[in-house]
Structures are given as C-alpha cells and as structure tokens.
Amino acid sequence: MAPKKKRRRVEPNKTISNKTETLKINTTSDILSNIFQFLDRNEIEKSQL
C-alpha cells in the first residue's frame, strides 16, 4: 500500500509543476506581446509627428 501512495503523490506534483511552467511561459509571452504593442504604439506616434 505504501508505494502506491507515494506514486499518487508524485503524479500530482508533476502535473502542478507542468502547469506552473506553462503559466510562466504564458506570462512571459504576454509580457513580450505587451512590450511589442507598446513599441508599435510609439512608432505610430512618431510617424504621426
């Protein structure tokens, strides 16, 4: 019984770590997209000037 319990504990930890990794990737991509949008806005403002 004990080894089965250990296996069950390990699996959810793996899924949680995978979720956190995907969240980190999503946040970094969001930050990058926001930066690029900001740069695009600045370029548009410069062209209007």
PDB file of N, CA and C in Angstrom:
ATOM      1  N   MET A   1       0.829  -1.215   0.000  1.00  0.00           N
ATOM      2  CA  MET A   1       0.000   0.000   0.000  1.00  0.00           C
ATOM      3  C   MET A   1       0.863   1.265   0.000  1.00  0.00           C
ATOM      4  N   ALA A   2       1.956   1.230   0.732  1.00  0.00           N
ATOM      5  CA  ALA A   2       2.773   2.445   0.850  1.00  0.00           C
ATOM      6  C   ALA A   2       3.328   2.930  -0.505  1.00  0.00           C
ATOM      7  N   PRO A   3       3.928   2.055  -1.327  1.00  0.00           N
ATOM      8  CA  PRO A   3       4.476   2.540  -2.603  1.00  0.00           C
ATOM      9  C   PRO A   3       3.413   3.131  -3.517  1.00  0.00           C
ATOM     10  N   LYS A   4       2.198   2.578  -3.480  1.00  0.00           N
ATOM     11  CA  LYS A   4       1.129   3.142  -4.301  1.00  0.00           C
ATOM     12  C   LYS A   4       0.828   4.580  -3.875  1.00  0.00           C
ATOM     13  N   LYS A   5       0.786   4.814  -2.575  1.00  0.00           N
ATOM     14  CA  LYS A   5       0.528   6.171  -2.093  1.00  0.00           C
ATOM     15  C   LYS A   5       1.624   7.125  -2.565  1.00  0.00           C
ATOM     16  N   LYS A   6       2.879   6.674  -2.519  1.00  0.00           N
ATOM     17  CA  LYS A   6       3.984   7.525  -2.972  1.00  0.00           C
ATOM     18  C   LYS A   6       3.817   7.884  -4.447  1.00  0.00           C
ATOM     19  N   ARG A   7       3.443   6.886  -5.261  1.00  0.00           N
ATOM     20  CA  ARG A   7       3.243   7.158  -6.690  1.00  0.00           C
ATOM     21  C   ARG A   7       2.159   8.204  -6.890  1.00  0.00           C
ATOM     22  N   ARG A   8       1.070   8.071  -6.135  1.00  0.00           N
ATOM     23  CA  ARG A   8      -0.015   9.037  -6.271  1.00  0.00           C
ATOM     24  C   ARG A   8       0.443  10.431  -5.895  1.00  0.00           C
ATOM     25  N   ARG A   9       1.296  10.537  -4.906  1.00  0.00           N
ATOM     26  CA  ARG A   9       1.790  11.862  -4.503  1.00  0.00           C
ATOM     27  C   ARG A   9       2.688  12.473  -5.571  1.00  0.00           C
ATOM     28  N   VAL A  10       3.480  11.627  -6.226  1.00  0.00           N
ATOM     29  CA  VAL A  10       4.429  12.150  -7.218  1.00  0.00           C
ATOM     30  C   VAL A  10       3.697  12.670  -8.449  1.00  0.00           C
ATOM     31  N   GLU A  11       2.657  11.970  -8.891  1.00  0.00           N
ATOM     32  CA  GLU A  11       1.975  12.364 -10.128  1.00  0.00           C
ATOM     33  C   GLU A  11       1.353  13.770 -10.053  1.00  0.00           C
ATOM     34  N   PRO A  12       0.585  14.099  -9.027  1.00  0.00           N
ATOM     35  CA  PRO A  12       0.013  15.452  -8.978  1.00  0.00           C
ATOM     36  C   PRO A  12       1.088  16.531  -8.898  1.00  0.00           C
ATOM     37  N   ASN A  13       2.202  16.247  -8.227  1.00  0.00           N
ATOM     38  CA  ASN A  13       3.286  17.227  -8.186  1.00  0.00           C
ATOM     39  C   ASN A  13       3.799  17.513  -9.588  1.00  0.00           C
ATOM     40  N   LYS A  14       3.932  16.441 -10.385  1.00  0.00           N
ATOM     41  CA  LYS A  14       4.399  16.640 -11.759  1.00  0.00           C
ATOM     42  C   LYS A  14       3.413  17.499 -12.535  1.00  0.00           C
ATOM     43  N   THR A  15       2.135  17.217 -12.415  1.00  0.00           N
ATOM     44  CA  THR A  15       1.140  17.992 -13.157  1.00  0.00           C
ATOM     45  C   THR A  15       1.162  19.447 -12.694  1.00  0.00           C
ATOM     46  N   ILE A  16       1.312  19.664 -11.403  1.00  0.00           N
ATOM     47  CA  ILE A  16       1.357  21.032 -10.885  1.00  0.00           C
ATOM     48  C   ILE A  16       2.576  21.757 -11.441  1.00  0.00           C
ATOM     49  N   SER A  17       3.726  21.095 -11.451  1.00  0.00           N
ATOM     50  CA  SER A  17       4.934  21.732 -11.977  1.00  0.00           C
ATOM     51  C   SER A  17       4.752  22.044 -13.451  1.00  0.00           C
ATOM     52  N   ASN A  18       4.139  21.144 -14.205  1.00  0.00           N
ATOM     53  CA  ASN A  18       3.887  21.403 -15.624  1.00  0.00           C
ATOM     54  C   ASN A  18       2.965  22.602 -15.788  1.00  0.00           C
ATOM     55  N   LYS A  19       1.938  22.692 -14.959  1.00  0.00           N
ATOM     56  CA  LYS A  19       1.022  23.835 -15.041  1.00  0.00           C
ATOM     57  C   LYS A  19       1.759  25.131 -14.738  1.00  0.00           C
ATOM     58  N   THR A  20       2.601  25.132 -13.719  1.00  0.00           N
ATOM     59  CA  THR A  20       3.330  26.354 -13.386  1.00  0.00           C
ATOM     60  C   THR A  20       4.265  26.734 -14.523  1.00  0.00           C
ATOM     61  N   GLU A  21       4.905  25.731 -15.149  1.00  0.00           N
ATOM     62  CA  GLU A  21       5.796  26.029 -16.268  1.00  0.00           C
ATOM     63  C   GLU A  21       5.020  26.661 -17.413  1.00  0.00           C
ATOM     64  N   THR A  22       3.853  26.128 -17.740  1.00  0.00           N
ATOM     65  CA  THR A  22       3.048  26.694 -18.820  1.00  0.00           C
ATOM     66  C   THR A  22       2.594  28.100 -18.441  1.00  0.00           C
ATOM     67  N   LEU A  23       2.250  28.303 -17.165  1.00  0.00           N
ATOM     68  CA  LEU A  23       1.856  29.637 -16.735  1.00  0.00           C
ATOM     69  C   LEU A  23       3.015  30.611 -16.903  1.00  0.00           C
ATOM     70  N   LYS A  24       4.225  30.192 -16.523  1.00  0.00           N
ATOM     71  CA  LYS A  24       5.391  31.058 -16.696  1.00  0.00           C
ATOM     72  C   LYS A  24       5.580  31.408 -18.163  1.00  0.00           C
ATOM     73  N   ILE A  25       5.450  30.400 -19.041  1.00  0.00           N
ATOM     74  CA  ILE A  25       5.604  30.643 -20.475  1.00  0.00           C
ATOM     75  C   ILE A  25       4.535  31.621 -20.947  1.00  0.00           C
ATOM     76  N   ASN A  26       3.306  31.427 -20.502  1.00  0.00           N
ATOM     77  CA  ASN A  26       2.216  32.310 -20.914  1.00  0.00           C
ATOM     78  C   ASN A  26       2.476  33.740 -20.439  1.00  0.00           C
ATOM     79  N   THR A  27       2.918  33.899 -19.198  1.00  0.00           N
ATOM     80  CA  THR A  27       3.158  35.243 -18.676  1.00  0.00           C
ATOM     81  C   THR A  27       4.278  35.921 -19.442  1.00  0.00           C
ATOM     82  N   THR A  28       5.360  35.184 -19.748  1.00  0.00           N
ATOM     83  CA  THR A  28       6.468  35.785 -20.490  1.00  0.00           C
ATOM     84  C   THR A  28       6.007  36.180 -21.885  1.00  0.00           C
ATOM     85  N   SER A  29       5.228  35.340 -22.537  1.00  0.00           N
ATOM     86  CA  SER A  29       4.736  35.663 -23.878  1.00  0.00           C
ATOM     87  C   SER A  29       3.815  36.883 -23.809  1.00  0.00           C
ATOM     88  N   ASP A  30       2.979  36.965 -22.768  1.00  0.00           N
ATOM     89  CA  ASP A  30       2.104  38.123 -22.608  1.00  0.00           C
ATOM     90  C   ASP A  30       2.931  39.386 -22.429  1.00  0.00           C
ATOM     91  N   ILE A  31       3.978  39.317 -21.603  1.00  0.00           N
ATOM     92  CA  ILE A  31       4.836  40.481 -21.376  1.00  0.00           C
ATOM     93  C   ILE A  31       5.490  40.900 -22.687  1.00  0.00           C
ATOM     94  N   LEU A  32       6.013  39.933 -23.422  1.00  0.00           N
ATOM     95  CA  LEU A  32       6.653  40.253 -24.700  1.00  0.00           C
ATOM     96  C   LEU A  32       5.650  40.881 -25.653  1.00  0.00           C
ATOM     97  N   SER A  33       4.458  40.338 -25.742  1.00  0.00           N
ATOM     98  CA  SER A  33       3.444  40.893 -26.646  1.00  0.00           C
ATOM     99  C   SER A  33       3.084  42.315 -26.207  1.00  0.00           C
ATOM    100  N   ASN A  34       2.986  42.549 -24.902  1.00  0.00           N
ATOM    101  CA  ASN A  34       2.693  43.897 -24.411  1.00  0.00           C
ATOM    102  C   ASN A  34       3.811  44.859 -24.783  1.00  0.00           C
ATOM    103  N   ILE A  35       5.060  44.417 -24.640  1.00  0.00           N
ATOM    104  CA  ILE A  35       6.196  45.276 -24.995  1.00  0.00           C
ATOM    105  C   ILE A  35       6.146  45.614 -26.479  1.00  0.00           C
ATOM    106  N   PHE A  36       5.887  44.603 -27.317  1.00  0.00           N
ATOM    107  CA  PHE A  36       5.839  44.857 -28.755  1.00  0.00           C
ATOM    108  C   PHE A  36       4.682  45.791 -29.101  1.00  0.00           C
ATOM    109  N   GLN A  37       3.546  45.623 -28.444  1.00  0.00           N
ATOM    110  CA  GLN A  37       2.420  46.528 -28.681  1.00  0.00           C
ATOM    111  C   GLN A  37       2.804  47.953 -28.285  1.00  0.00           C
ATOM    112  N   PHE A  38       3.485  48.098 -27.161  1.00  0.00           N
ATOM    113  CA  PHE A  38       3.924  49.417 -26.708  1.00  0.00           C
ATOM    114  C   PHE A  38       4.878  50.035 -27.720  1.00  0.00           C
ATOM    115  N   LEU A  39       5.828  49.240 -28.214  1.00  0.00           N
ATOM    116  CA  LEU A  39       6.770  49.731 -29.217  1.00  0.00           C
ATOM    117  C   LEU A  39       6.029  50.134 -30.483  1.00  0.00           C
ATOM    118  N   ASP A  40       5.078  49.325 -30.906  1.00  0.00           N
ATOM    119  CA  ASP A  40       4.308  49.651 -32.109  1.00  0.00           C
ATOM    120  C   ASP A  40       3.573  50.972 -31.913  1.00  0.00           C
ATOM    121  N   ARG A  41       2.991  51.187 -30.747  1.00  0.00           N
ATOM    122  CA  ARG A  41       2.281  52.439 -30.482  1.00  0.00           C
ATOM    123  C   ARG A  41       3.248  53.616 -30.550  1.00  0.00           C
ATOM    124  N   ASN A  42       4.421  53.459 -29.964  1.00  0.00           N
ATOM    125  CA  ASN A  42       5.404  54.535 -30.007  1.00  0.00           C
ATOM    126  C   ASN A  42       5.798  54.850 -31.442  1.00  0.00           C
ATOM    127  N   GLU A  43       6.006  53.823 -32.256  1.00  0.00           N
ATOM    128  CA  GLU A  43       6.375  54.040 -33.646  1.00  0.00           C
ATOM    129  C   GLU A  43       5.253  54.757 -34.388  1.00  0.00           C
ATOM    130  N   ILE A  44       4.019  54.386 -34.111  1.00  0.00           N
ATOM    131  CA  ILE A  44       2.871  55.037 -34.768  1.00  0.00           C
ATOM    132  C   ILE A  44       2.828  56.511 -34.356  1.00  0.00           C
ATOM    133  N   GLU A  45       3.034  56.791 -33.071  1.00  0.00           N
ATOM    134  CA  GLU A  45       3.021  58.175 -32.605  1.00  0.00           C
ATOM    135  C   GLU A  45       4.139  58.971 -33.269  1.00  0.00           C
ATOM    136  N   LYS A  46       5.332  58.397 -33.402  1.00  0.00           N
ATOM    137  CA  LYS A  46       6.450  59.080 -34.043  1.00  0.00           C
ATOM    138  C   LYS A  46       6.130  59.379 -35.505  1.00  0.00           C
ATOM    139  N   SER A  47       5.522  58.422 -36.184  1.00  0.00           N
ATOM    140  CA  SER A  47       5.200  58.624 -37.599  1.00  0.00           C
ATOM    141  C   SER A  47       4.152  59.733 -37.745  1.00  0.00           C
ATOM    142  N   GLN A  48       3.221  59.837 -36.791  1.00  0.00           N
ATOM    143  CA  GLN A  48       2.208  60.894 -36.854  1.00  0.00           C
ATOM    144  C   GLN A  48       2.859  62.258 -36.643  1.00  0.00           C
ATOM    145  N   LEU A  49       3.876  62.309 -35.770  1.00  0.00           N
ATOM    146  CA  LEU A  49       4.570  63.574 -35.545  1.00  0.00           C
ATOM    147  C   LEU A  49       5.317  63.958 -36.813  1.00  0.00           C
TER     148      LEU A  49
END
